[in-house]
Each structure stands twice: as C-alpha cells, then as structure tokens.
Amino acid sequence: MSLTDANTVATLVAALAILAGLAGVVLPGLPALPLCWGGVLVWALLSDAGPGRWVVLVAATVVVAAGTVVKYLWPGRNLKRTGVPTSSLLAGGLLGLVGFFVVPVVGLVLGFVGGVWAAERLRLGDSRLAWPSTVQTLKAVGLSMIVEFGAGLLVAALFVTGLVLT
C-alpha cells in the first residue's frame, strides 16, 4: 500500500468514525464524542498531513473534554434548580436500560420517561405534580444532546479544516 493510499484510508476511517459519533448522539450504544475524537486521533496518527494534524488533534481534545463537562453540568444545574432529585434520574436510567432490552428502538426513551415519572409520582404523591418534573428532565436530556451534538459538529469542522489546510 502506498503512502497516498494509507492517507486515504486514514481519512476515510476518521470521517466514518466522526459520522458514527454524530449519529451516536441519538443512537444508544454509540459513544458520540469518543468516536469523534477517535476519528481525529486515527487521522493524526496515520496521515502525513504535516504538523497541523497535531494542532487539530489538540483542538479536538479540548472541544471533546469541554463538551463532555458541559453536557453534564449545564443540564444537571438546571435540574437541581427545578428540584428534580438524583434518585428520580437514576430510576429513569434504570428503567430506560430495561426498556432498551424489552422494547427495541423506543424502549430506552419509554423506560426513561416512565421511570422518572414513576419516581416523581412516588416522591410527590400526585400524578399531576410528577409530570412537570418529568418534562424538566426531558428538557435537560435534550439540552445535553444539543451540547454533545454541537461539540461533535465542532470536532467535525476541525477535522475538515485540518484536511483543507494540511
């Protein structure tokens, strides 16, 4: 295999990993940001794109680290402010995991929503009071996904910029 072929393979593998990472934001089981970062890592290690590839890798590392921190802290702060306890989130996560295996495709979401609602229903003693907490939790999950997708897009943009400039 020639050097040009190796560069092409490294670039394609990296691009596919980044696309899989972006899909991983909504598909359970695919680690979104680690896949995006791994794609850039593969490209930086296996291509001969010059020293700029290391700048891209460092920038992607910073974006992934910051995105991961913000993905948890920002929605978590919003949930804490609205009073949704961690126990309700754990119940949602546990039932979401069960739902993932019981009902293909939609079970994760159904289990998570049902788990949060049930935990809040038990805690608050009223179905009508449990629903606003469940909605706040869904908004937090949505915010987390937006942050993660944005960070993944930024990594993809860094990768494309690295391809163009090197």
C-alpha atoms as a PDB file:
ATOM      1  CA  MET A   1       0.000   0.000   0.000  1.00  0.00           C
ATOM      2  CA  SER A   2       1.431   3.370  -0.957  1.00  0.00           C
ATOM      3  CA  LEU A   3       1.603   6.387   1.324  1.00  0.00           C
ATOM      4  CA  THR A   4      -1.230   8.078  -0.575  1.00  0.00           C
ATOM      5  CA  ASP A   5      -3.435   5.008  -0.125  1.00  0.00           C
ATOM      6  CA  ALA A   6      -2.659   4.941   3.603  1.00  0.00           C
ATOM      7  CA  ASN A   7      -3.620   8.615   3.880  1.00  0.00           C
ATOM      8  CA  THR A   8      -6.874   7.978   2.052  1.00  0.00           C
ATOM      9  CA  VAL A   9      -7.726   5.019   4.280  1.00  0.00           C
ATOM     10  CA  ALA A  10      -6.883   7.001   7.434  1.00  0.00           C
ATOM     11  CA  THR A  11      -9.023   9.910   6.250  1.00  0.00           C
ATOM     12  CA  LEU A  12     -11.969   7.655   5.380  1.00  0.00           C
ATOM     13  CA  VAL A  13     -11.777   5.771   8.680  1.00  0.00           C
ATOM     14  CA  ALA A  14     -11.615   9.075  10.550  1.00  0.00           C
ATOM     15  CA  ALA A  15     -14.558  10.520   8.635  1.00  0.00           C
ATOM     16  CA  LEU A  16     -16.656   7.403   9.239  1.00  0.00           C
ATOM     17  CA  ALA A  17     -15.820   7.448  12.952  1.00  0.00           C
ATOM     18  CA  ILE A  18     -16.845  11.100  13.180  1.00  0.00           C
ATOM     19  CA  LEU A  19     -20.122  10.411  11.344  1.00  0.00           C
ATOM     20  CA  ALA A  20     -20.796   7.447  13.630  1.00  0.00           C
ATOM     21  CA  GLY A  21     -20.079   9.690  16.603  1.00  0.00           C
ATOM     22  CA  LEU A  22     -22.569  12.276  15.395  1.00  0.00           C
ATOM     23  CA  ALA A  23     -25.147   9.517  14.935  1.00  0.00           C
ATOM     24  CA  GLY A  24     -24.265   8.296  18.424  1.00  0.00           C
ATOM     25  CA  VAL A  25     -25.857  11.386  19.925  1.00  0.00           C
ATOM     26  CA  VAL A  26     -29.274   9.886  19.191  1.00  0.00           C
ATOM     27  CA  LEU A  27     -28.445   6.185  18.869  1.00  0.00           C
ATOM     28  CA  PRO A  28     -27.990   4.414  22.178  1.00  0.00           C
ATOM     29  CA  GLY A  29     -24.831   2.396  22.493  1.00  0.00           C
ATOM     30  CA  LEU A  30     -22.589   4.569  20.331  1.00  0.00           C
ATOM     31  CA  PRO A  31     -20.247   6.765  22.375  1.00  0.00           C
ATOM     32  CA  ALA A  32     -20.650  10.007  20.438  1.00  0.00           C
ATOM     33  CA  LEU A  33     -17.780  12.254  21.455  1.00  0.00           C
ATOM     34  CA  PRO A  34     -15.216   9.466  21.984  1.00  0.00           C
ATOM     35  CA  LEU A  35     -15.911   8.251  18.436  1.00  0.00           C
ATOM     36  CA  CYS A  36     -15.469  11.760  17.022  1.00  0.00           C
ATOM     37  CA  TRP A  37     -12.227  12.222  18.936  1.00  0.00           C
ATOM     38  CA  GLY A  38     -11.027   8.745  17.974  1.00  0.00           C
ATOM     39  CA  GLY A  39     -11.560   9.575  14.314  1.00  0.00           C
ATOM     40  CA  VAL A  40      -9.358  12.644  14.606  1.00  0.00           C
ATOM     41  CA  LEU A  41      -6.784  10.604  16.542  1.00  0.00           C
ATOM     42  CA  VAL A  42      -6.641   7.962  13.790  1.00  0.00           C
ATOM     43  CA  TRP A  43      -6.205  10.669  11.167  1.00  0.00           C
ATOM     44  CA  ALA A  44      -3.482  12.435  13.161  1.00  0.00           C
ATOM     45  CA  LEU A  45      -1.556   9.217  13.784  1.00  0.00           C
ATOM     46  CA  LEU A  46      -1.820   7.628  10.344  1.00  0.00           C
ATOM     47  CA  SER A  47      -1.802  10.504   7.884  1.00  0.00           C
ATOM     48  CA  ASP A  48       1.115  12.560   6.685  1.00  0.00           C
ATOM     49  CA  ALA A  49      -0.826  15.826   6.872  1.00  0.00           C
ATOM     50  CA  GLY A  50       2.055  17.674   8.487  1.00  0.00           C
ATOM     51  CA  PRO A  51       2.282  19.318  11.891  1.00  0.00           C
ATOM     52  CA  GLY A  52      -1.171  20.868  11.520  1.00  0.00           C
ATOM     53  CA  ARG A  53      -2.732  17.485  12.261  1.00  0.00           C
ATOM     54  CA  TRP A  54      -1.441  17.693  15.834  1.00  0.00           C
ATOM     55  CA  VAL A  55      -2.993  21.140  16.260  1.00  0.00           C
ATOM     56  CA  VAL A  56      -6.300  19.697  15.053  1.00  0.00           C
ATOM     57  CA  LEU A  57      -5.971  16.777  17.489  1.00  0.00           C
ATOM     58  CA  VAL A  58      -5.240  19.088  20.427  1.00  0.00           C
ATOM     59  CA  ALA A  59      -8.153  21.366  19.498  1.00  0.00           C
ATOM     60  CA  ALA A  60     -10.473  18.343  19.126  1.00  0.00           C
ATOM     61  CA  THR A  61      -9.314  17.070  22.535  1.00  0.00           C
ATOM     62  CA  VAL A  62     -10.160  20.404  24.143  1.00  0.00           C
ATOM     63  CA  VAL A  63     -13.570  20.506  22.431  1.00  0.00           C
ATOM     64  CA  VAL A  64     -14.421  16.929  23.472  1.00  0.00           C
ATOM     65  CA  ALA A  65     -13.311  17.489  27.064  1.00  0.00           C
ATOM     66  CA  ALA A  66     -15.224  20.763  27.345  1.00  0.00           C
ATOM     67  CA  GLY A  67     -18.272  19.297  25.599  1.00  0.00           C
ATOM     68  CA  THR A  68     -18.323  16.333  27.959  1.00  0.00           C
ATOM     69  CA  VAL A  69     -18.126  18.546  31.044  1.00  0.00           C
ATOM     70  CA  VAL A  70     -20.763  20.993  29.804  1.00  0.00           C
ATOM     71  CA  LYS A  71     -23.029  18.144  28.663  1.00  0.00           C
ATOM     72  CA  TYR A  72     -23.379  17.013  32.275  1.00  0.00           C
ATOM     73  CA  LEU A  73     -23.018  20.216  34.280  1.00  0.00           C
ATOM     74  CA  TRP A  74     -25.382  22.553  32.449  1.00  0.00           C
ATOM     75  CA  PRO A  75     -28.447  20.243  32.340  1.00  0.00           C
ATOM     76  CA  GLY A  76     -27.616  18.992  35.847  1.00  0.00           C
ATOM     77  CA  ARG A  77     -27.617  22.538  37.188  1.00  0.00           C
ATOM     78  CA  ASN A  78     -30.984  23.179  35.541  1.00  0.00           C
ATOM     79  CA  LEU A  79     -32.431  20.024  37.088  1.00  0.00           C
ATOM     80  CA  LYS A  80     -31.078  20.884  40.517  1.00  0.00           C
ATOM     81  CA  ARG A  81     -32.646  24.352  40.240  1.00  0.00           C
ATOM     82  CA  THR A  82     -36.052  22.837  39.390  1.00  0.00           C
ATOM     83  CA  GLY A  83     -35.822  20.355  42.266  1.00  0.00           C
ATOM     84  CA  VAL A  84     -35.663  17.061  40.391  1.00  0.00           C
ATOM     85  CA  PRO A  85     -33.690  14.693  42.654  1.00  0.00           C
ATOM     86  CA  THR A  86     -30.921  12.392  41.513  1.00  0.00           C
ATOM     87  CA  SER A  87     -32.953   9.381  42.647  1.00  0.00           C
ATOM     88  CA  SER A  88     -35.588  10.134  40.002  1.00  0.00           C
ATOM     89  CA  LEU A  89     -32.904  10.330  37.333  1.00  0.00           C
ATOM     90  CA  LEU A  90     -31.441   7.027  38.490  1.00  0.00           C
ATOM     91  CA  ALA A  91     -34.883   5.416  38.350  1.00  0.00           C
ATOM     92  CA  GLY A  92     -35.316   6.761  34.824  1.00  0.00           C
ATOM     93  CA  GLY A  93     -31.895   5.483  33.804  1.00  0.00           C
ATOM     94  CA  LEU A  94     -32.551   2.042  35.264  1.00  0.00           C
ATOM     95  CA  LEU A  95     -35.947   1.651  33.619  1.00  0.00           C
ATOM     96  CA  GLY A  96     -34.539   3.087  30.405  1.00  0.00           C
ATOM     97  CA  LEU A  97     -31.894   0.371  30.416  1.00  0.00           C
ATOM     98  CA  VAL A  98     -34.548  -2.295  30.985  1.00  0.00           C
ATOM     99  CA  GLY A  99     -36.727  -0.753  28.283  1.00  0.00           C
ATOM    100  CA  PHE A 100     -33.825  -0.790  25.834  1.00  0.00           C
ATOM    101  CA  PHE A 101     -33.769  -4.610  26.012  1.00  0.00           C
ATOM    102  CA  VAL A 102     -37.515  -5.191  26.343  1.00  0.00           C
ATOM    103  CA  VAL A 103     -38.840  -2.875  23.615  1.00  0.00           C
ATOM    104  CA  PRO A 104     -36.441  -2.463  20.691  1.00  0.00           C
ATOM    105  CA  VAL A 105     -35.723   1.046  19.391  1.00  0.00           C
ATOM    106  CA  VAL A 106     -38.089   3.093  21.593  1.00  0.00           C
ATOM    107  CA  GLY A 107     -37.731   1.196  24.867  1.00  0.00           C
ATOM    108  CA  LEU A 108     -34.886   3.352  26.143  1.00  0.00           C
ATOM    109  CA  VAL A 109     -36.919   6.543  25.827  1.00  0.00           C
ATOM    110  CA  LEU A 110     -40.148   4.984  27.112  1.00  0.00           C
ATOM    111  CA  GLY A 111     -38.376   3.396  30.058  1.00  0.00           C
ATOM    112  CA  PHE A 112     -36.551   6.599  30.959  1.00  0.00           C
ATOM    113  CA  VAL A 113     -39.681   8.761  30.831  1.00  0.00           C
ATOM    114  CA  GLY A 114     -41.710   6.147  32.693  1.00  0.00           C
ATOM    115  CA  GLY A 115     -39.019   5.704  35.326  1.00  0.00           C
ATOM    116  CA  VAL A 116     -38.673   9.421  36.022  1.00  0.00           C
ATOM    117  CA  TRP A 117     -42.436   9.874  36.110  1.00  0.00           C
ATOM    118  CA  ALA A 118     -42.935   6.877  38.456  1.00  0.00           C
ATOM    119  CA  ALA A 119     -40.189   8.033  40.831  1.00  0.00           C
ATOM    120  CA  GLU A 120     -41.614  11.555  40.902  1.00  0.00           C
ATOM    121  CA  ARG A 121     -45.132  10.161  41.384  1.00  0.00           C
ATOM    122  CA  LEU A 122     -43.936   8.209  44.418  1.00  0.00           C
ATOM    123  CA  ARG A 123     -41.975  11.164  45.791  1.00  0.00           C
ATOM    124  CA  LEU A 124     -44.651  13.812  45.282  1.00  0.00           C
ATOM    125  CA  GLY A 125     -47.731  11.644  45.796  1.00  0.00           C
ATOM    126  CA  ASP A 126     -49.641  13.089  42.848  1.00  0.00           C
ATOM    127  CA  SER A 127     -49.614  12.277  39.148  1.00  0.00           C
ATOM    128  CA  ARG A 128     -50.235  15.897  38.160  1.00  0.00           C
ATOM    129  CA  LEU A 129     -47.217  17.047  40.156  1.00  0.00           C
ATOM    130  CA  ALA A 130     -44.990  14.332  38.707  1.00  0.00           C
ATOM    131  CA  TRP A 131     -45.436  15.431  35.104  1.00  0.00           C
ATOM    132  CA  PRO A 132     -43.696  18.867  35.336  1.00  0.00           C
ATOM    133  CA  SER A 133     -40.613  17.202  36.846  1.00  0.00           C
ATOM    134  CA  THR A 134     -40.634  14.657  34.034  1.00  0.00           C
ATOM    135  CA  VAL A 135     -40.868  17.427  31.430  1.00  0.00           C
ATOM    136  CA  GLN A 136     -37.953  19.283  33.069  1.00  0.00           C
ATOM    137  CA  THR A 137     -35.917  16.090  32.936  1.00  0.00           C
ATOM    138  CA  LEU A 138     -36.687  15.625  29.240  1.00  0.00           C
ATOM    139  CA  LYS A 139     -35.649  19.222  28.573  1.00  0.00           C
ATOM    140  CA  ALA A 140     -32.366  18.558  30.371  1.00  0.00           C
ATOM    141  CA  VAL A 141     -31.768  15.432  28.285  1.00  0.00           C
ATOM    142  CA  GLY A 142     -32.494  17.434  25.140  1.00  0.00           C
ATOM    143  CA  LEU A 143     -30.057  20.140  26.216  1.00  0.00           C
ATOM    144  CA  SER A 144     -27.415  17.512  26.893  1.00  0.00           C
ATOM    145  CA  MET A 145     -27.918  16.065  23.410  1.00  0.00           C
ATOM    146  CA  ILE A 146     -27.684  19.506  21.802  1.00  0.00           C
ATOM    147  CA  VAL A 147     -24.423  20.230  23.627  1.00  0.00           C
ATOM    148  CA  GLU A 148     -22.994  16.850  22.647  1.00  0.00           C
ATOM    149  CA  PHE A 149     -24.047  17.230  19.009  1.00  0.00           C
ATOM    150  CA  GLY A 150     -22.626  20.750  18.880  1.00  0.00           C
ATOM    151  CA  ALA A 151     -19.294  19.547  20.239  1.00  0.00           C
ATOM    152  CA  GLY A 152     -19.301  16.697  17.718  1.00  0.00           C
ATOM    153  CA  LEU A 153     -20.001  19.125  14.878  1.00  0.00           C
ATOM    154  CA  LEU A 154     -17.167  21.331  16.063  1.00  0.00           C
ATOM    155  CA  VAL A 155     -14.803  18.333  16.033  1.00  0.00           C
ATOM    156  CA  ALA A 156     -16.009  17.509  12.507  1.00  0.00           C
ATOM    157  CA  ALA A 157     -15.372  21.107  11.437  1.00  0.00           C
ATOM    158  CA  LEU A 158     -11.872  20.967  12.923  1.00  0.00           C
ATOM    159  CA  PHE A 159     -11.216  17.737  11.033  1.00  0.00           C
ATOM    160  CA  VAL A 160     -12.418  19.190   7.725  1.00  0.00           C
ATOM    161  CA  THR A 161     -10.375  22.336   8.345  1.00  0.00           C
ATOM    162  CA  GLY A 162      -7.350  20.138   9.014  1.00  0.00           C
ATOM    163  CA  LEU A 163      -7.931  18.300   5.732  1.00  0.00           C
ATOM    164  CA  VAL A 164      -8.214  21.518   3.773  1.00  0.00           C
ATOM    165  CA  LEU A 165      -5.288  23.340   5.346  1.00  0.00           C
ATOM    166  CA  THR A 166      -2.779  20.487   5.526  1.00  0.00           C
END
